[in-house]
Amino acid sequence: MRVLTEQQWHWYYWGKYLGYPSCCIDFFVENAGKDWWMDKIYPKGFKFKGSGFIPCKSCNKLPEEQIIKRINYRRKAPVPFPQEIDFEIEEAKMEEMLFKGELK
């Protein structure tokens, strides 16, 4: 098992809190921070660009409605995807859930 950096754990738990599919969280954590990754993997762009959610290659091929349904089913944030959340307010809620062991 690979060891994650503090930043990668941060991204992982935000992804869980926001209800993103595990495959997409893993994909993001593995690739984020590499200067080239977005253009190389998605030269034609990806679904939900600008929303903060970056789907893995498999999920990017799915219909948007299916992805939204999967995200909202798991979502802990109070507003449904793709609505924006207030990260300042939600961070405290996310950290409380993490402390209680509710985000795995």
PDB file of N, CA and C in Angstrom:
ATOM      1  N   MET A   1       0.835  -1.186   0.000  1.00  0.00           N
ATOM      2  CA  MET A   1       0.000   0.000   0.000  1.00  0.00           C
ATOM      3  C   MET A   1       0.876   1.244   0.000  1.00  0.00           C
ATOM      4  N   ARG A   2       0.512   2.198  -0.808  1.00  0.00           N
ATOM      5  CA  ARG A   2       1.320   3.404  -0.917  1.00  0.00           C
ATOM      6  C   ARG A   2       0.931   4.397   0.178  1.00  0.00           C
ATOM      7  N   VAL A   3       1.889   5.173   0.615  1.00  0.00           N
ATOM      8  CA  VAL A   3       1.667   6.165   1.666  1.00  0.00           C
ATOM      9  C   VAL A   3       1.246   7.480   1.006  1.00  0.00           C
ATOM     10  N   LEU A   4       0.165   8.054   1.511  1.00  0.00           N
ATOM     11  CA  LEU A   4      -0.327   9.319   0.972  1.00  0.00           C
ATOM     12  C   LEU A   4       0.277  10.495   1.726  1.00  0.00           C
ATOM     13  N   THR A   5       0.469  11.590   1.012  1.00  0.00           N
ATOM     14  CA  THR A   5       0.931  12.815   1.650  1.00  0.00           C
ATOM     15  C   THR A   5      -0.247  13.449   2.384  1.00  0.00           C
ATOM     16  N   GLU A   6       0.027  14.446   3.192  1.00  0.00           N
ATOM     17  CA  GLU A   6      -1.045  15.154   3.899  1.00  0.00           C
ATOM     18  C   GLU A   6      -2.027  15.784   2.902  1.00  0.00           C
ATOM     19  N   GLN A   7      -1.502  16.355   1.828  1.00  0.00           N
ATOM     20  CA  GLN A   7      -2.360  16.964   0.796  1.00  0.00           C
ATOM     21  C   GLN A   7      -3.240  15.909   0.139  1.00  0.00           C
ATOM     22  N   GLN A   8      -2.684  14.745  -0.159  1.00  0.00           N
ATOM     23  CA  GLN A   8      -3.466  13.686  -0.785  1.00  0.00           C
ATOM     24  C   GLN A   8      -4.579  13.192   0.138  1.00  0.00           C
ATOM     25  N   TRP A   9      -4.302  13.092   1.443  1.00  0.00           N
ATOM     26  CA  TRP A   9      -5.346  12.707   2.399  1.00  0.00           C
ATOM     27  C   TRP A   9      -6.448  13.763   2.417  1.00  0.00           C
ATOM     28  N   HIS A  10      -6.046  15.016   2.351  1.00  0.00           N
ATOM     29  CA  HIS A  10      -7.002  16.122   2.323  1.00  0.00           C
ATOM     30  C   HIS A  10      -7.946  15.961   1.124  1.00  0.00           C
ATOM     31  N   TRP A  11      -7.367  15.734  -0.057  1.00  0.00           N
ATOM     32  CA  TRP A  11      -8.179  15.527  -1.255  1.00  0.00           C
ATOM     33  C   TRP A  11      -9.051  14.293  -1.095  1.00  0.00           C
ATOM     34  N   TYR A  12      -8.538  13.221  -0.552  1.00  0.00           N
ATOM     35  CA  TYR A  12      -9.280  11.971  -0.382  1.00  0.00           C
ATOM     36  C   TYR A  12     -10.527  12.193   0.482  1.00  0.00           C
ATOM     37  N   TYR A  13     -10.348  12.831   1.630  1.00  0.00           N
ATOM     38  CA  TYR A  13     -11.487  13.024   2.528  1.00  0.00           C
ATOM     39  C   TYR A  13     -12.502  14.023   1.984  1.00  0.00           C
ATOM     40  N   TRP A  14     -12.061  15.044   1.286  1.00  0.00           N
ATOM     41  CA  TRP A  14     -13.010  15.950   0.646  1.00  0.00           C
ATOM     42  C   TRP A  14     -13.819  15.193  -0.397  1.00  0.00           C
ATOM     43  N   GLY A  15     -13.154  14.349  -1.166  1.00  0.00           N
ATOM     44  CA  GLY A  15     -13.865  13.555  -2.168  1.00  0.00           C
ATOM     45  C   GLY A  15     -14.928  12.674  -1.539  1.00  0.00           C
ATOM     46  N   LYS A  16     -14.601  12.036  -0.421  1.00  0.00           N
ATOM     47  CA  LYS A  16     -15.567  11.196   0.290  1.00  0.00           C
ATOM     48  C   LYS A  16     -16.743  12.042   0.793  1.00  0.00           C
ATOM     49  N   TYR A  17     -16.448  13.174   1.390  1.00  0.00           N
ATOM     50  CA  TYR A  17     -17.481  14.052   1.937  1.00  0.00           C
ATOM     51  C   TYR A  17     -18.422  14.542   0.832  1.00  0.00           C
ATOM     52  N   LEU A  18     -17.853  14.829  -0.321  1.00  0.00           N
ATOM     53  CA  LEU A  18     -18.646  15.354  -1.428  1.00  0.00           C
ATOM     54  C   LEU A  18     -19.350  14.259  -2.221  1.00  0.00           C
ATOM     55  N   GLY A  19     -19.101  12.996  -1.866  1.00  0.00           N
ATOM     56  CA  GLY A  19     -19.810  11.886  -2.488  1.00  0.00           C
ATOM     57  C   GLY A  19     -19.232  11.393  -3.795  1.00  0.00           C
ATOM     58  N   TYR A  20     -18.039  11.805  -4.134  1.00  0.00           N
ATOM     59  CA  TYR A  20     -17.448  11.381  -5.394  1.00  0.00           C
ATOM     60  C   TYR A  20     -17.164   9.879  -5.376  1.00  0.00           C
ATOM     61  N   PRO A  21     -17.302   9.200  -6.516  1.00  0.00           N
ATOM     62  CA  PRO A  21     -17.012   7.771  -6.569  1.00  0.00           C
ATOM     63  C   PRO A  21     -15.552   7.484  -6.180  1.00  0.00           C
ATOM     64  N   SER A  22     -15.338   6.372  -5.514  1.00  0.00           N
ATOM     65  CA  SER A  22     -13.985   6.009  -5.057  1.00  0.00           C
ATOM     66  C   SER A  22     -12.987   5.951  -6.209  1.00  0.00           C
ATOM     67  N   CYS A  23     -13.434   5.440  -7.359  1.00  0.00           N
ATOM     68  CA  CYS A  23     -12.523   5.355  -8.506  1.00  0.00           C
ATOM     69  C   CYS A  23     -12.050   6.751  -8.936  1.00  0.00           C
ATOM     70  N   CYS A  24     -12.936   7.733  -8.844  1.00  0.00           N
ATOM     71  CA  CYS A  24     -12.592   9.108  -9.227  1.00  0.00           C
ATOM     72  C   CYS A  24     -11.681   9.757  -8.180  1.00  0.00           C
ATOM     73  N   ILE A  25     -11.937   9.456  -6.916  1.00  0.00           N
ATOM     74  CA  ILE A  25     -11.080   9.982  -5.847  1.00  0.00           C
ATOM     75  C   ILE A  25      -9.675   9.435  -6.016  1.00  0.00           C
ATOM     76  N   ASP A  26      -9.564   8.127  -6.194  1.00  0.00           N
ATOM     77  CA  ASP A  26      -8.248   7.503  -6.369  1.00  0.00           C
ATOM     78  C   ASP A  26      -7.526   8.069  -7.584  1.00  0.00           C
ATOM     79  N   PHE A  27      -8.256   8.242  -8.678  1.00  0.00           N
ATOM     80  CA  PHE A  27      -7.700   8.799  -9.906  1.00  0.00           C
ATOM     81  C   PHE A  27      -7.158  10.207  -9.664  1.00  0.00           C
ATOM     82  N   PHE A  28      -7.936  11.024  -8.971  1.00  0.00           N
ATOM     83  CA  PHE A  28      -7.517  12.391  -8.690  1.00  0.00           C
ATOM     84  C   PHE A  28      -6.302  12.423  -7.771  1.00  0.00           C
ATOM     85  N   VAL A  29      -6.369  11.670  -6.678  1.00  0.00           N
ATOM     86  CA  VAL A  29      -5.270  11.661  -5.697  1.00  0.00           C
ATOM     87  C   VAL A  29      -3.969  11.199  -6.362  1.00  0.00           C
ATOM     88  N   GLU A  30      -4.070  10.227  -7.244  1.00  0.00           N
ATOM     89  CA  GLU A  30      -2.886   9.691  -7.930  1.00  0.00           C
ATOM     90  C   GLU A  30      -2.269  10.699  -8.896  1.00  0.00           C
ATOM     91  N   ASN A  31      -3.094  11.506  -9.534  1.00  0.00           N
ATOM     92  CA  ASN A  31      -2.611  12.371 -10.616  1.00  0.00           C
ATOM     93  C   ASN A  31      -2.499  13.852 -10.292  1.00  0.00           C
ATOM     94  N   ALA A  32      -3.278  14.346  -9.358  1.00  0.00           N
ATOM     95  CA  ALA A  32      -3.271  15.785  -9.059  1.00  0.00           C
ATOM     96  C   ALA A  32      -1.878  16.239  -8.637  1.00  0.00           C
ATOM     97  N   GLY A  33      -1.540  17.397  -9.054  1.00  0.00           N
ATOM     98  CA  GLY A  33      -0.237  17.945  -8.709  1.00  0.00           C
ATOM     99  C   GLY A  33       0.799  17.752  -9.802  1.00  0.00           C
ATOM    100  N   LYS A  34       0.505  16.887 -10.760  1.00  0.00           N
ATOM    101  CA  LYS A  34       1.396  16.705 -11.910  1.00  0.00           C
ATOM    102  C   LYS A  34       1.017  17.771 -12.938  1.00  0.00           C
ATOM    103  N   ASP A  35       1.977  18.526 -13.368  1.00  0.00           N
ATOM    104  CA  ASP A  35       1.697  19.647 -14.271  1.00  0.00           C
ATOM    105  C   ASP A  35       0.984  19.227 -15.552  1.00  0.00           C
ATOM    106  N   TRP A  36       1.276  18.084 -16.040  1.00  0.00           N
ATOM    107  CA  TRP A  36       0.815  17.661 -17.354  1.00  0.00           C
ATOM    108  C   TRP A  36      -0.476  16.867 -17.355  1.00  0.00           C
ATOM    109  N   TRP A  37      -0.921  16.401 -16.254  1.00  0.00           N
ATOM    110  CA  TRP A  37      -1.926  15.334 -16.235  1.00  0.00           C
ATOM    111  C   TRP A  37      -3.260  15.688 -16.861  1.00  0.00           C
ATOM    112  N   MET A  38      -3.786  16.863 -16.635  1.00  0.00           N
ATOM    113  CA  MET A  38      -5.112  17.196 -17.170  1.00  0.00           C
ATOM    114  C   MET A  38      -5.109  17.215 -18.700  1.00  0.00           C
ATOM    115  N   ASP A  39      -4.139  17.883 -19.288  1.00  0.00           N
ATOM    116  CA  ASP A  39      -4.092  17.982 -20.744  1.00  0.00           C
ATOM    117  C   ASP A  39      -3.792  16.648 -21.405  1.00  0.00           C
ATOM    118  N   LYS A  40      -2.957  15.848 -20.764  1.00  0.00           N
ATOM    119  CA  LYS A  40      -2.596  14.557 -21.341  1.00  0.00           C
ATOM    120  C   LYS A  40      -3.764  13.569 -21.261  1.00  0.00           C
ATOM    121  N   ILE A  41      -4.437  13.504 -20.139  1.00  0.00           N
ATOM    122  CA  ILE A  41      -5.511  12.540 -19.945  1.00  0.00           C
ATOM    123  C   ILE A  41      -6.806  13.016 -20.616  1.00  0.00           C
ATOM    124  N   TYR A  42      -7.056  14.308 -20.553  1.00  0.00           N
ATOM    125  CA  TYR A  42      -8.294  14.869 -21.112  1.00  0.00           C
ATOM    126  C   TYR A  42      -8.000  15.971 -22.126  1.00  0.00           C
ATOM    127  N   PRO A  43      -7.406  15.619 -23.263  1.00  0.00           N
ATOM    128  CA  PRO A  43      -7.093  16.672 -24.248  1.00  0.00           C
ATOM    129  C   PRO A  43      -8.337  17.382 -24.793  1.00  0.00           C
ATOM    130  N   LYS A  44      -9.499  16.717 -24.745  1.00  0.00           N
ATOM    131  CA  LYS A  44     -10.740  17.321 -25.243  1.00  0.00           C
ATOM    132  C   LYS A  44     -11.631  17.804 -24.108  1.00  0.00           C
ATOM    133  N   GLY A  45     -11.117  17.821 -22.898  1.00  0.00           N
ATOM    134  CA  GLY A  45     -11.900  18.252 -21.752  1.00  0.00           C
ATOM    135  C   GLY A  45     -12.599  17.074 -21.084  1.00  0.00           C
ATOM    136  N   PHE A  46     -13.362  17.361 -20.046  1.00  0.00           N
ATOM    137  CA  PHE A  46     -14.059  16.323 -19.291  1.00  0.00           C
ATOM    138  C   PHE A  46     -15.386  16.859 -18.792  1.00  0.00           C
ATOM    139  N   LYS A  47     -16.263  15.937 -18.388  1.00  0.00           N
ATOM    140  CA  LYS A  47     -17.573  16.328 -17.877  1.00  0.00           C
ATOM    141  C   LYS A  47     -17.429  17.083 -16.564  1.00  0.00           C
ATOM    142  N   PHE A  48     -18.299  18.020 -16.350  1.00  0.00           N
ATOM    143  CA  PHE A  48     -18.373  18.802 -15.115  1.00  0.00           C
ATOM    144  C   PHE A  48     -17.189  19.746 -14.926  1.00  0.00           C
ATOM    145  N   LYS A  49     -16.522  20.110 -15.988  1.00  0.00           N
ATOM    146  CA  LYS A  49     -15.382  21.022 -15.889  1.00  0.00           C
ATOM    147  C   LYS A  49     -15.809  22.299 -15.177  1.00  0.00           C
ATOM    148  N   GLY A  50     -15.023  22.730 -14.206  1.00  0.00           N
ATOM    149  CA  GLY A  50     -15.323  23.925 -13.436  1.00  0.00           C
ATOM    150  C   GLY A  50     -16.120  23.663 -12.169  1.00  0.00           C
ATOM    151  N   SER A  51     -16.553  22.419 -11.970  1.00  0.00           N
ATOM    152  CA  SER A  51     -17.366  22.089 -10.796  1.00  0.00           C
ATOM    153  C   SER A  51     -16.514  21.670  -9.598  1.00  0.00           C
ATOM    154  N   GLY A  52     -15.246  21.388  -9.837  1.00  0.00           N
ATOM    155  CA  GLY A  52     -14.381  20.866  -8.782  1.00  0.00           C
ATOM    156  C   GLY A  52     -14.299  19.350  -8.807  1.00  0.00           C
ATOM    157  N   PHE A  53     -15.176  18.703  -9.542  1.00  0.00           N
ATOM    158  CA  PHE A  53     -15.170  17.249  -9.664  1.00  0.00           C
ATOM    159  C   PHE A  53     -14.489  16.855 -10.960  1.00  0.00           C
ATOM    160  N   ILE A  54     -13.508  15.975 -10.841  1.00  0.00           N
ATOM    161  CA  ILE A  54     -12.813  15.475 -12.020  1.00  0.00           C
ATOM    162  C   ILE A  54     -13.020  13.965 -12.062  1.00  0.00           C
ATOM    163  N   PRO A  55     -13.834  13.497 -12.994  1.00  0.00           N
ATOM    164  CA  PRO A  55     -14.116  12.065 -13.064  1.00  0.00           C
ATOM    165  C   PRO A  55     -12.920  11.267 -13.583  1.00  0.00           C
ATOM    166  N   CYS A  56     -12.864  10.002 -13.189  1.00  0.00           N
ATOM    167  CA  CYS A  56     -11.851   9.121 -13.760  1.00  0.00           C
ATOM    168  C   CYS A  56     -12.233   8.868 -15.221  1.00  0.00           C
ATOM    169  N   LYS A  57     -11.350   8.231 -15.951  1.00  0.00           N
ATOM    170  CA  LYS A  57     -11.611   8.016 -17.372  1.00  0.00           C
ATOM    171  C   LYS A  57     -12.878   7.187 -17.605  1.00  0.00           C
ATOM    172  N   SER A  58     -13.114   6.184 -16.778  1.00  0.00           N
ATOM    173  CA  SER A  58     -14.306   5.341 -16.937  1.00  0.00           C
ATOM    174  C   SER A  58     -15.582   6.127 -16.667  1.00  0.00           C
ATOM    175  N   CYS A  59     -15.611   6.875 -15.574  1.00  0.00           N
ATOM    176  CA  CYS A  59     -16.808   7.651 -15.232  1.00  0.00           C
ATOM    177  C   CYS A  59     -17.050   8.781 -16.224  1.00  0.00           C
ATOM    178  N   ASN A  60     -16.002   9.290 -16.819  1.00  0.00           N
ATOM    179  CA  ASN A  60     -16.153  10.363 -17.797  1.00  0.00           C
ATOM    180  C   ASN A  60     -16.929   9.888 -19.031  1.00  0.00           C
ATOM    181  N   LYS A  61     -16.976   8.572 -19.241  1.00  0.00           N
ATOM    182  CA  LYS A  61     -17.701   8.003 -20.378  1.00  0.00           C
ATOM    183  C   LYS A  61     -19.182   7.772 -20.062  1.00  0.00           C
ATOM    184  N   LEU A  62     -19.550   7.835 -18.786  1.00  0.00           N
ATOM    185  CA  LEU A  62     -20.934   7.583 -18.371  1.00  0.00           C
ATOM    186  C   LEU A  62     -21.818   8.809 -18.632  1.00  0.00           C
ATOM    187  N   PRO A  63     -23.121   8.604 -18.752  1.00  0.00           N
ATOM    188  CA  PRO A  63     -24.032   9.751 -18.879  1.00  0.00           C
ATOM    189  C   PRO A  63     -23.961  10.635 -17.625  1.00  0.00           C
ATOM    190  N   GLU A  64     -24.042  11.936 -17.810  1.00  0.00           N
ATOM    191  CA  GLU A  64     -23.944  12.868 -16.685  1.00  0.00           C
ATOM    192  C   GLU A  64     -24.973  12.571 -15.603  1.00  0.00           C
ATOM    193  N   GLU A  65     -26.192  12.233 -15.999  1.00  0.00           N
ATOM    194  CA  GLU A  65     -27.244  11.963 -15.015  1.00  0.00           C
ATOM    195  C   GLU A  65     -26.874  10.792 -14.108  1.00  0.00           C
ATOM    196  N   GLN A  66     -26.224   9.783 -14.669  1.00  0.00           N
ATOM    197  CA  GLN A  66     -25.811   8.616 -13.884  1.00  0.00           C
ATOM    198  C   GLN A  66     -24.734   8.993 -12.859  1.00  0.00           C
ATOM    199  N   ILE A  67     -23.798   9.812 -13.274  1.00  0.00           N
ATOM    200  CA  ILE A  67     -22.734  10.246 -12.363  1.00  0.00           C
ATOM    201  C   ILE A  67     -23.335  11.105 -11.244  1.00  0.00           C
ATOM    202  N   ILE A  68     -24.206  12.030 -11.593  1.00  0.00           N
ATOM    203  CA  ILE A  68     -24.834  12.899 -10.593  1.00  0.00           C
ATOM    204  C   ILE A  68     -25.601  12.063  -9.569  1.00  0.00           C
ATOM    205  N   LYS A  69     -26.325  11.074 -10.033  1.00  0.00           N
ATOM    206  CA  LYS A  69     -27.089  10.203  -9.130  1.00  0.00           C
ATOM    207  C   LYS A  69     -26.153   9.457  -8.175  1.00  0.00           C
ATOM    208  N   ARG A  70     -25.043   8.924  -8.685  1.00  0.00           N
ATOM    209  CA  ARG A  70     -24.071   8.215  -7.850  1.00  0.00           C
ATOM    210  C   ARG A  70     -23.466   9.142  -6.794  1.00  0.00           C
ATOM    211  N   ILE A  71     -23.136  10.362  -7.209  1.00  0.00           N
ATOM    212  CA  ILE A  71     -22.528  11.316  -6.279  1.00  0.00           C
ATOM    213  C   ILE A  71     -23.526  11.697  -5.188  1.00  0.00           C
ATOM    214  N   ASN A  72     -24.722  12.061  -5.570  1.00  0.00           N
ATOM    215  CA  ASN A  72     -25.704  12.525  -4.587  1.00  0.00           C
ATOM    216  C   ASN A  72     -26.148  11.428  -3.634  1.00  0.00           C
ATOM    217  N   TYR A  73     -26.091  10.181  -4.054  1.00  0.00           N
ATOM    218  CA  TYR A  73     -26.437   9.064  -3.180  1.00  0.00           C
ATOM    219  C   TYR A  73     -25.467   8.972  -1.987  1.00  0.00           C
ATOM    220  N   ARG A  74     -24.188   9.260  -2.238  1.00  0.00           N
ATOM    221  CA  ARG A  74     -23.153   9.159  -1.198  1.00  0.00           C
ATOM    222  C   ARG A  74     -22.844  10.491  -0.508  1.00  0.00           C
ATOM    223  N   ARG A  75     -23.291  11.563  -1.056  1.00  0.00           N
ATOM    224  CA  ARG A  75     -22.892  12.913  -0.635  1.00  0.00           C
ATOM    225  C   ARG A  75     -23.268  13.207   0.810  1.00  0.00           C
ATOM    226  N   LYS A  76     -22.320  13.734   1.566  1.00  0.00           N
ATOM    227  CA  LYS A  76     -22.540  14.159   2.950  1.00  0.00           C
ATOM    228  C   LYS A  76     -22.831  15.656   3.027  1.00  0.00           C
ATOM    229  N   ALA A  77     -22.359  16.400   2.042  1.00  0.00           N
ATOM    230  CA  ALA A  77     -22.609  17.847   1.994  1.00  0.00           C
ATOM    231  C   ALA A  77     -24.114  18.096   1.874  1.00  0.00           C
ATOM    232  N   PRO A  78     -24.610  19.203   2.426  1.00  0.00           N
ATOM    233  CA  PRO A  78     -26.060  19.447   2.482  1.00  0.00           C
ATOM    234  C   PRO A  78     -26.726  19.837   1.161  1.00  0.00           C
ATOM    235  N   VAL A  79     -25.959  20.192   0.170  1.00  0.00           N
ATOM    236  CA  VAL A  79     -26.556  20.571  -1.114  1.00  0.00           C
ATOM    237  C   VAL A  79     -26.190  19.528  -2.170  1.00  0.00           C
ATOM    238  N   PRO A  80     -27.109  19.241  -3.080  1.00  0.00           N
ATOM    239  CA  PRO A  80     -26.827  18.228  -4.095  1.00  0.00           C
ATOM    240  C   PRO A  80     -25.815  18.707  -5.131  1.00  0.00           C
ATOM    241  N   PHE A  81     -25.078  17.766  -5.669  1.00  0.00           N
ATOM    242  CA  PHE A  81     -24.165  18.032  -6.774  1.00  0.00           C
ATOM    243  C   PHE A  81     -25.009  18.298  -8.016  1.00  0.00           C
ATOM    244  N   PRO A  82     -24.679  19.259  -8.832  1.00  0.00           N
ATOM    245  CA  PRO A  82     -23.443  20.025  -8.910  1.00  0.00           C
ATOM    246  C   PRO A  82     -23.489  21.407  -8.263  1.00  0.00           C
ATOM    247  N   GLN A  83     -24.375  21.628  -7.312  1.00  0.00           N
ATOM    248  CA  GLN A  83     -24.417  22.923  -6.637  1.00  0.00           C
ATOM    249  C   GLN A  83     -23.134  23.136  -5.830  1.00  0.00           C
ATOM    250  N   GLU A  84     -22.731  24.382  -5.739  1.00  0.00           N
ATOM    251  CA  GLU A  84     -21.522  24.740  -4.992  1.00  0.00           C
ATOM    252  C   GLU A  84     -21.786  24.669  -3.495  1.00  0.00           C
ATOM    253  N   ILE A  85     -20.741  24.342  -2.749  1.00  0.00           N
ATOM    254  CA  ILE A  85     -20.836  24.362  -1.292  1.00  0.00           C
ATOM    255  C   ILE A  85     -19.958  25.484  -0.766  1.00  0.00           C
ATOM    256  N   ASP A  86     -20.185  25.882   0.459  1.00  0.00           N
ATOM    257  CA  ASP A  86     -19.324  26.861   1.124  1.00  0.00           C
ATOM    258  C   ASP A  86     -18.242  26.053   1.847  1.00  0.00           C
ATOM    259  N   PHE A  87     -17.053  25.998   1.259  1.00  0.00           N
ATOM    260  CA  PHE A  87     -15.990  25.155   1.800  1.00  0.00           C
ATOM    261  C   PHE A  87     -15.594  25.541   3.216  1.00  0.00           C
ATOM    262  N   GLU A  88     -15.667  26.814   3.536  1.00  0.00           N
ATOM    263  CA  GLU A  88     -15.311  27.254   4.884  1.00  0.00           C
ATOM    264  C   GLU A  88     -16.245  26.638   5.929  1.00  0.00           C
ATOM    265  N   ILE A  89     -17.526  26.658   5.640  1.00  0.00           N
ATOM    266  CA  ILE A  89     -18.521  26.093   6.556  1.00  0.00           C
ATOM    267  C   ILE A  89     -18.443  24.565   6.555  1.00  0.00           C
ATOM    268  N   GLU A  90     -18.345  23.987   5.386  1.00  0.00           N
ATOM    269  CA  GLU A  90     -18.369  22.530   5.263  1.00  0.00           C
ATOM    270  C   GLU A  90     -17.116  21.854   5.787  1.00  0.00           C
ATOM    271  N   GLU A  91     -15.998  22.573   5.817  1.00  0.00           N
ATOM    272  CA  GLU A  91     -14.762  21.960   6.305  1.00  0.00           C
ATOM    273  C   GLU A  91     -14.903  21.502   7.758  1.00  0.00           C
ATOM    274  N   ALA A  92     -15.543  22.291   8.586  1.00  0.00           N
ATOM    275  CA  ALA A  92     -15.741  21.911   9.986  1.00  0.00           C
ATOM    276  C   ALA A  92     -16.616  20.663  10.080  1.00  0.00           C
ATOM    277  N   LYS A  93     -17.652  20.587   9.260  1.00  0.00           N
ATOM    278  CA  LYS A  93     -18.530  19.416   9.259  1.00  0.00           C
ATOM    279  C   LYS A  93     -17.772  18.169   8.786  1.00  0.00           C
ATOM    280  N   MET A  94     -16.983  18.353   7.734  1.00  0.00           N
ATOM    281  CA  MET A  94     -16.202  17.246   7.195  1.00  0.00           C
ATOM    282  C   MET A  94     -15.211  16.736   8.236  1.00  0.00           C
ATOM    283  N   GLU A  95     -14.527  17.644   8.916  1.00  0.00           N
ATOM    284  CA  GLU A  95     -13.548  17.249   9.923  1.00  0.00           C
ATOM    285  C   GLU A  95     -14.211  16.559  11.112  1.00  0.00           C
ATOM    286  N   GLU A  96     -15.409  16.996  11.484  1.00  0.00           N
ATOM    287  CA  GLU A  96     -16.138  16.343  12.569  1.00  0.00           C
ATOM    288  C   GLU A  96     -16.501  14.905  12.179  1.00  0.00           C
ATOM    289  N   MET A  97     -16.964  14.721  10.959  1.00  0.00           N
ATOM    290  CA  MET A  97     -17.292  13.375  10.487  1.00  0.00           C
ATOM    291  C   MET A  97     -16.044  12.500  10.434  1.00  0.00           C
ATOM    292  N   LEU A  98     -14.948  13.075  10.019  1.00  0.00           N
ATOM    293  CA  LEU A  98     -13.679  12.351   9.982  1.00  0.00           C
ATOM    294  C   LEU A  98     -13.265  11.927  11.370  1.00  0.00           C
ATOM    295  N   PHE A  99     -13.376  12.838  12.346  1.00  0.00           N
ATOM    296  CA  PHE A  99     -13.031  12.570  13.738  1.00  0.00           C
ATOM    297  C   PHE A  99     -13.891  11.435  14.304  1.00  0.00           C
ATOM    298  N   LYS A 100     -15.170  11.417  13.917  1.00  0.00           N
ATOM    299  CA  LYS A 100     -16.094  10.389  14.410  1.00  0.00           C
ATOM    300  C   LYS A 100     -15.951   9.059  13.663  1.00  0.00           C
ATOM    301  N   GLY A 101     -15.105   9.043  12.640  1.00  0.00           N
ATOM    302  CA  GLY A 101     -14.923   7.826  11.859  1.00  0.00           C
ATOM    303  C   GLY A 101     -16.017   7.572  10.839  1.00  0.00           C
ATOM    304  N   GLU A 102     -16.744   8.620  10.470  1.00  0.00           N
ATOM    305  CA  GLU A 102     -17.857   8.489   9.548  1.00  0.00           C
ATOM    306  C   GLU A 102     -17.449   8.644   8.082  1.00  0.00           C
ATOM    307  N   LEU A 103     -16.187   8.976   7.828  1.00  0.00           N
ATOM    308  CA  LEU A 103     -15.682   9.097   6.451  1.00  0.00           C
ATOM    309  C   LEU A 103     -14.588   8.062   6.258  1.00  0.00           C
ATOM    310  N   LYS A 104     -14.895   7.040   5.520  1.00  0.00           N
ATOM    311  CA  LYS A 104     -13.894   5.986   5.252  1.00  0.00           C
ATOM    312  C   LYS A 104     -13.845   5.674   3.803  1.00  0.00           C
TER     313      LYS A 104
END
